[in-house]
Protein backbone atom coordinates (compact mmCIF):
# COMPACT_ATOMS: atom_id res chain seq x y z
CA MET A 1 61.05 120.32 140.10
CA THR A 2 61.17 121.97 137.08
CA LEU A 3 59.16 124.81 135.99
CA ASP A 4 57.23 122.85 133.69
CA SER A 5 56.54 120.46 136.35
CA LYS A 6 55.51 123.20 138.81
CA LEU A 7 53.21 124.83 136.02
CA LYS A 8 51.55 121.11 135.67
CA SER A 9 51.13 120.60 139.41
CA LYS A 10 49.32 123.85 139.69
CA THR A 11 46.93 122.88 136.35
CA GLU A 12 46.29 119.87 138.26
CA ILE A 13 45.37 121.52 141.72
CA ARG A 14 43.35 124.32 140.37
CA ARG A 15 41.46 121.21 137.89
CA GLU A 16 40.28 119.40 141.11
CA LEU A 17 39.01 122.09 142.95
CA ILE A 18 37.08 123.29 139.54
CA ILE A 19 35.54 119.17 139.56
CA GLU A 20 35.22 119.57 143.54
CA MET A 21 33.55 123.06 143.28
CA THR A 22 31.09 122.10 140.21
CA GLN A 23 30.33 118.56 142.39
CA ALA A 24 29.45 120.71 145.78
CA LYS A 25 27.09 123.34 143.59
CA GLY A 26 25.63 121.30 140.91
CA ASN A 27 26.79 123.76 138.29
CA VAL A 28 29.00 126.88 138.19
CA SER A 29 29.67 129.88 135.88
CA VAL A 30 32.90 131.37 134.70
CA GLU A 31 32.54 134.52 136.75
CA MET A 32 32.50 132.21 139.93
CA LEU A 33 35.17 130.00 138.61
CA THR A 34 37.39 132.68 138.02
CA GLU A 35 36.87 134.95 141.59
CA PHE A 36 37.40 131.29 143.73
CA LEU A 37 40.46 130.54 141.81
CA GLY A 38 42.17 133.87 141.31
CA VAL A 39 43.07 133.16 137.72
CA SER A 40 41.80 134.44 134.73
CA ALA A 41 38.75 133.82 132.64
CA GLN A 42 40.83 132.43 129.88
CA THR A 43 42.58 130.41 132.23
CA VAL A 44 39.25 129.09 133.56
CA ARG A 45 37.86 128.46 129.73
CA ARG A 46 41.05 126.01 129.39
CA ASP A 47 40.55 124.11 132.05
CA ILE A 48 36.70 124.15 131.19
CA ASN A 49 37.66 122.73 127.85
CA GLN A 50 40.45 120.33 129.07
CA LEU A 51 37.92 118.98 131.94
CA CYS A 52 34.94 118.25 129.34
CA GLY A 53 36.62 117.00 127.02
CA ASP A 54 37.82 114.61 129.20
CA ASN A 55 34.36 113.87 130.15
CA LEU A 56 34.71 115.19 134.18
CA LEU A 57 32.46 117.95 133.18
CA ARG A 58 29.95 119.33 131.03
CA ARG A 59 29.45 122.57 130.00
CA ARG A 60 26.59 125.10 129.55
CA HIS A 61 25.95 128.48 129.38
CA GLY A 62 28.13 130.46 130.92
CA GLY A 63 29.99 127.73 133.04
CA VAL A 64 30.28 123.89 133.83
CA GLU A 65 28.12 121.76 135.68
CA SER A 66 28.56 117.97 136.71
CA PHE A 67 28.10 114.72 135.01
CA GLU A 68 27.53 113.34 138.63
CA ARG A 69 24.13 115.07 139.38
CA GLN A 70 22.54 113.06 136.39
CA LEU A 71 23.25 109.82 138.35
CA ASN A 72 21.18 109.33 141.00
CA ASP A 73 17.57 108.83 140.56
CA PRO A 74 15.34 111.74 140.56
CA TYR A 75 13.70 112.82 143.91
CA GLN A 76 10.46 112.01 143.97
CA GLN A 77 11.06 108.77 141.89
CA ARG A 78 13.47 107.92 145.57
CA ALA A 79 11.23 109.10 147.64
CA VAL A 80 8.45 106.28 146.70
CA THR A 81 10.85 103.57 145.68
CA ASN A 82 10.35 101.00 148.58
CA SER A 83 8.17 103.27 150.44
CA GLU A 84 6.76 100.63 152.66
CA ALA A 85 10.07 99.17 154.16
CA LYS A 86 11.37 103.13 154.31
CA HIS A 87 8.59 103.70 156.87
CA ALA A 88 9.57 100.63 158.66
CA ILE A 89 12.80 101.63 159.07
CA ALA A 90 11.27 105.02 160.12
CA ARG A 91 9.67 103.67 162.76
CA ALA A 92 12.72 102.07 164.47
CA VAL A 93 14.14 104.84 164.24
CA ALA A 94 11.85 107.47 165.91
CA ASP A 95 11.92 104.12 168.62
CA LEU A 96 16.03 104.51 169.53
CA ILE A 97 15.31 108.43 169.88
CA PRO A 98 13.61 110.08 173.14
CA ASP A 99 12.22 113.42 173.40
CA GLY A 100 14.35 116.45 174.09
CA SER A 101 17.26 114.52 172.04
CA THR A 102 19.73 116.50 169.93
CA VAL A 103 19.95 114.97 166.49
CA PHE A 104 21.44 115.78 162.80
CA ILE A 105 19.78 114.70 159.88
CA SER A 106 21.89 114.34 156.62
CA ILE A 107 19.86 114.83 153.05
CA GLY A 108 18.39 112.03 151.34
CA SER A 109 14.54 110.86 150.88
CA THR A 110 15.18 108.41 153.95
CA PRO A 111 15.89 110.74 156.20
CA ALA A 112 13.19 112.82 155.22
CA ILE A 113 11.14 109.91 156.00
CA VAL A 114 12.72 109.16 159.44
CA ALA A 115 11.94 113.48 160.12
CA GLU A 116 7.91 112.31 159.42
CA ALA A 117 8.47 109.39 161.99
CA LEU A 118 9.84 111.74 164.58
CA SER A 119 6.89 114.49 164.08
CA LYS A 120 5.34 113.17 167.49
CA LYS A 121 8.40 113.52 169.30
CA THR A 122 8.70 117.02 171.34
CA GLU A 123 12.08 119.32 172.18
CA LEU A 124 13.79 118.38 169.89
CA THR A 125 16.75 120.23 168.82
CA VAL A 126 17.65 119.48 165.48
CA MET A 127 20.12 120.19 163.03
CA THR A 128 19.88 119.06 159.31
CA ASN A 129 20.81 120.37 155.28
CA ASN A 130 17.49 118.10 154.44
CA LEU A 131 14.51 120.58 154.09
CA ASN A 132 12.23 118.61 153.76
CA ALA A 133 13.09 116.86 157.45
CA ALA A 134 13.59 120.63 158.67
CA MET A 135 9.97 121.86 157.39
CA THR A 136 8.23 118.03 159.30
CA LEU A 137 10.19 118.57 162.31
CA SER A 138 8.68 122.52 162.11
CA ASN A 139 5.09 121.01 162.50
CA GLU A 140 6.51 121.06 166.43
CA PRO A 141 6.43 124.16 168.14
CA SER A 142 8.69 122.47 171.24
CA ASN A 143 10.91 121.29 168.74
CA ARG A 144 14.80 123.32 167.44
CA ILE A 145 15.42 123.37 164.18
CA ILE A 146 19.09 124.92 163.09
CA ILE A 147 20.00 124.76 159.21
CA PRO A 148 23.16 125.82 157.59
CA GLY A 149 23.34 128.62 154.57
CA GLY A 150 24.27 127.92 151.10
CA GLU A 151 22.30 126.93 147.90
CA VAL A 152 18.88 125.10 147.76
CA ARG A 153 19.25 122.18 145.30
CA MET A 154 16.03 121.66 143.59
CA PRO A 155 13.85 119.05 143.30
CA ASP A 156 15.98 117.81 146.69
CA ARG A 157 15.64 120.71 148.37
CA ASP A 158 18.47 120.10 150.13
CA ILE A 159 21.50 122.39 151.12
CA LEU A 160 24.97 122.41 149.41
CA GLY A 161 27.91 124.72 149.61
CA ASP A 162 31.20 125.00 151.69
CA GLY A 163 29.46 126.08 154.83
CA VAL A 164 27.15 122.60 155.15
CA LEU A 165 30.45 121.06 156.09
CA GLU A 166 31.48 123.74 158.55
CA PHE A 167 27.78 123.68 160.27
CA PHE A 168 28.45 120.53 160.88
CA ASN A 169 31.52 120.47 162.23
CA SER A 170 30.37 123.39 164.93
CA TYR A 171 27.96 121.02 166.44
CA ARG A 172 27.62 118.03 168.49
CA ALA A 173 24.22 115.58 168.87
CA GLU A 174 23.51 112.31 170.98
CA PHE A 175 21.80 110.91 167.21
CA GLY A 176 23.14 111.47 163.81
CA ILE A 177 20.76 110.06 161.04
CA PHE A 178 22.05 109.21 157.72
CA GLY A 179 21.76 107.42 154.63
CA VAL A 180 24.08 106.32 151.45
CA ALA A 181 23.75 106.10 147.87
CA GLY A 182 24.74 102.49 147.93
CA VAL A 183 27.76 100.08 149.94
CA SER A 184 29.92 98.34 148.68
CA GLU A 185 30.61 94.46 149.19
CA ASP A 186 33.99 95.66 151.64
CA GLY A 187 31.49 98.06 153.59
CA GLY A 188 32.44 101.52 152.01
CA MET A 189 29.35 104.00 151.86
CA LEU A 190 29.48 105.31 148.35
CA ASP A 191 27.69 108.69 147.80
CA PHE A 192 27.19 110.61 144.08
CA HIS A 193 29.42 113.65 145.66
CA ALA A 194 33.11 113.65 147.53
CA SER A 195 31.46 117.19 149.21
CA GLU A 196 28.35 114.37 150.70
CA VAL A 197 30.75 111.87 151.91
CA ARG A 198 32.31 114.59 153.88
CA VAL A 199 29.28 116.23 155.29
CA ARG A 200 28.11 112.40 156.08
CA GLU A 201 31.40 111.51 158.09
CA ALA A 202 30.84 115.03 159.90
CA ILE A 203 27.51 114.04 160.71
CA ARG A 204 28.89 110.44 161.88
CA THR A 205 31.68 111.28 163.71
CA HIS A 206 30.17 114.32 166.17
CA CYS A 207 27.64 112.32 167.41
CA LYS A 208 27.34 110.16 170.00
CA THR A 209 25.22 107.50 168.09
CA SER A 210 25.36 107.35 164.59
CA VAL A 211 22.25 105.80 163.07
CA LEU A 212 22.79 104.46 158.96
CA VAL A 213 19.23 104.50 157.65
CA MET A 214 18.65 102.23 154.12
CA ASP A 215 16.84 100.28 152.16
CA SER A 216 18.28 96.71 151.25
CA THR A 217 18.37 98.08 147.61
CA LYS A 218 21.04 100.22 148.39
CA LEU A 219 23.39 97.07 148.44
CA THR A 220 22.91 96.86 145.03
CA ARG A 221 23.56 100.34 143.85
CA THR A 222 27.07 101.86 142.57
CA ALA A 223 28.45 106.00 142.94
CA PRO A 224 31.76 107.09 142.31
CA ALA A 225 32.35 108.82 146.16
CA VAL A 226 33.38 106.50 148.70
CA GLY A 227 34.33 107.59 152.46
CA GLY A 228 33.64 105.76 155.96
CA SER A 229 32.68 102.31 156.66
CA ILE A 230 29.33 100.38 157.69
CA PHE A 231 31.60 98.99 160.44
CA ASP A 232 32.41 102.33 162.05
CA VAL A 233 28.49 103.42 162.31
CA ASP A 234 26.87 102.26 165.32
CA GLN A 235 23.57 101.02 164.15
CA ILE A 236 22.52 100.04 160.51
CA ILE A 237 18.49 99.38 159.98
CA MET A 238 17.38 97.71 157.48
CA ASP A 239 14.14 96.12 156.13
CA GLN A 240 15.83 92.64 155.16
CA HIS A 241 18.85 90.89 155.44
CA PRO A 242 21.41 91.56 152.65
CA GLY A 243 21.79 87.90 151.52
CA ASP A 244 24.61 85.97 150.63
CA ASP A 245 26.54 88.30 148.74
CA PHE A 246 26.97 90.34 151.79
CA SER A 247 26.72 87.93 154.20
CA ALA A 248 30.11 88.54 155.32
CA LEU A 249 29.26 92.01 156.11
CA SER A 250 26.15 91.25 158.19
CA GLU A 251 28.31 88.45 160.40
CA ARG A 252 30.99 91.61 160.87
CA VAL A 253 28.44 94.13 162.12
CA GLY A 254 26.68 91.40 164.63
CA ASP A 255 24.22 92.73 166.64
CA ARG A 256 24.85 96.43 165.49
CA LEU A 257 22.14 95.41 162.00
CA LYS A 258 18.45 95.91 163.11
CA LEU A 259 16.57 94.18 160.14
CA VAL A 260 12.58 95.80 160.26
CA GLY A 261 10.87 93.76 157.25
CA GLY A 262 8.94 91.80 159.43
CA GLU A 263 7.15 95.33 160.45
CA ILE A 264 5.97 95.85 157.35
């Protein structure tokens, strides 16, 4: 390997780390990147110039931010979209979970609505980086609520950062409740950030029963990060049948798919 190829490899790795860190946090400063990467500010600015020139990131005052954060709809809009279906899904999840259960809850508007449906449960132990879910379930004094440290992303009120993945890797739960940004035709689960995928997969793999909650609109949405498959999920709760385009998926999933449209 030549010196040039070694330098190129280091540069590529460094720029991948910049993208990953920016996606995880939403935006980062030159100072943060300099400390994190152990390189000069000049090197970081050169990397940022290239990444922004390639339309992979967007420049902001004193640093850089991710384009991906603009791809998802605003949280309040997502919370009211297909609201009746999401509440029916939430009621179905609540029927699965008895008092005293240990539960993971992911970020997202549908998992937050599930938390509302769980508000009559008692003695739950809940690990979540979804502050909306945490605050809802904290109204029951017998519940134990555990949250990770990190930066709070607004207005979603979820917690981001490297510590979140470590947090979920440090616990085990009876139930893991999570949503997705979308599902591809081959069953791949989609999200807007690679960091969200990693956390979701930690939730799925570290629980006894994984529960994917999504309304049917997620089958027509696309998102750039993919990880995990609906075929690896124990329970999929939706509001209505996926339709002809996804009939092969629903047949393969079989009785793990629960439809709650009739309850709306």
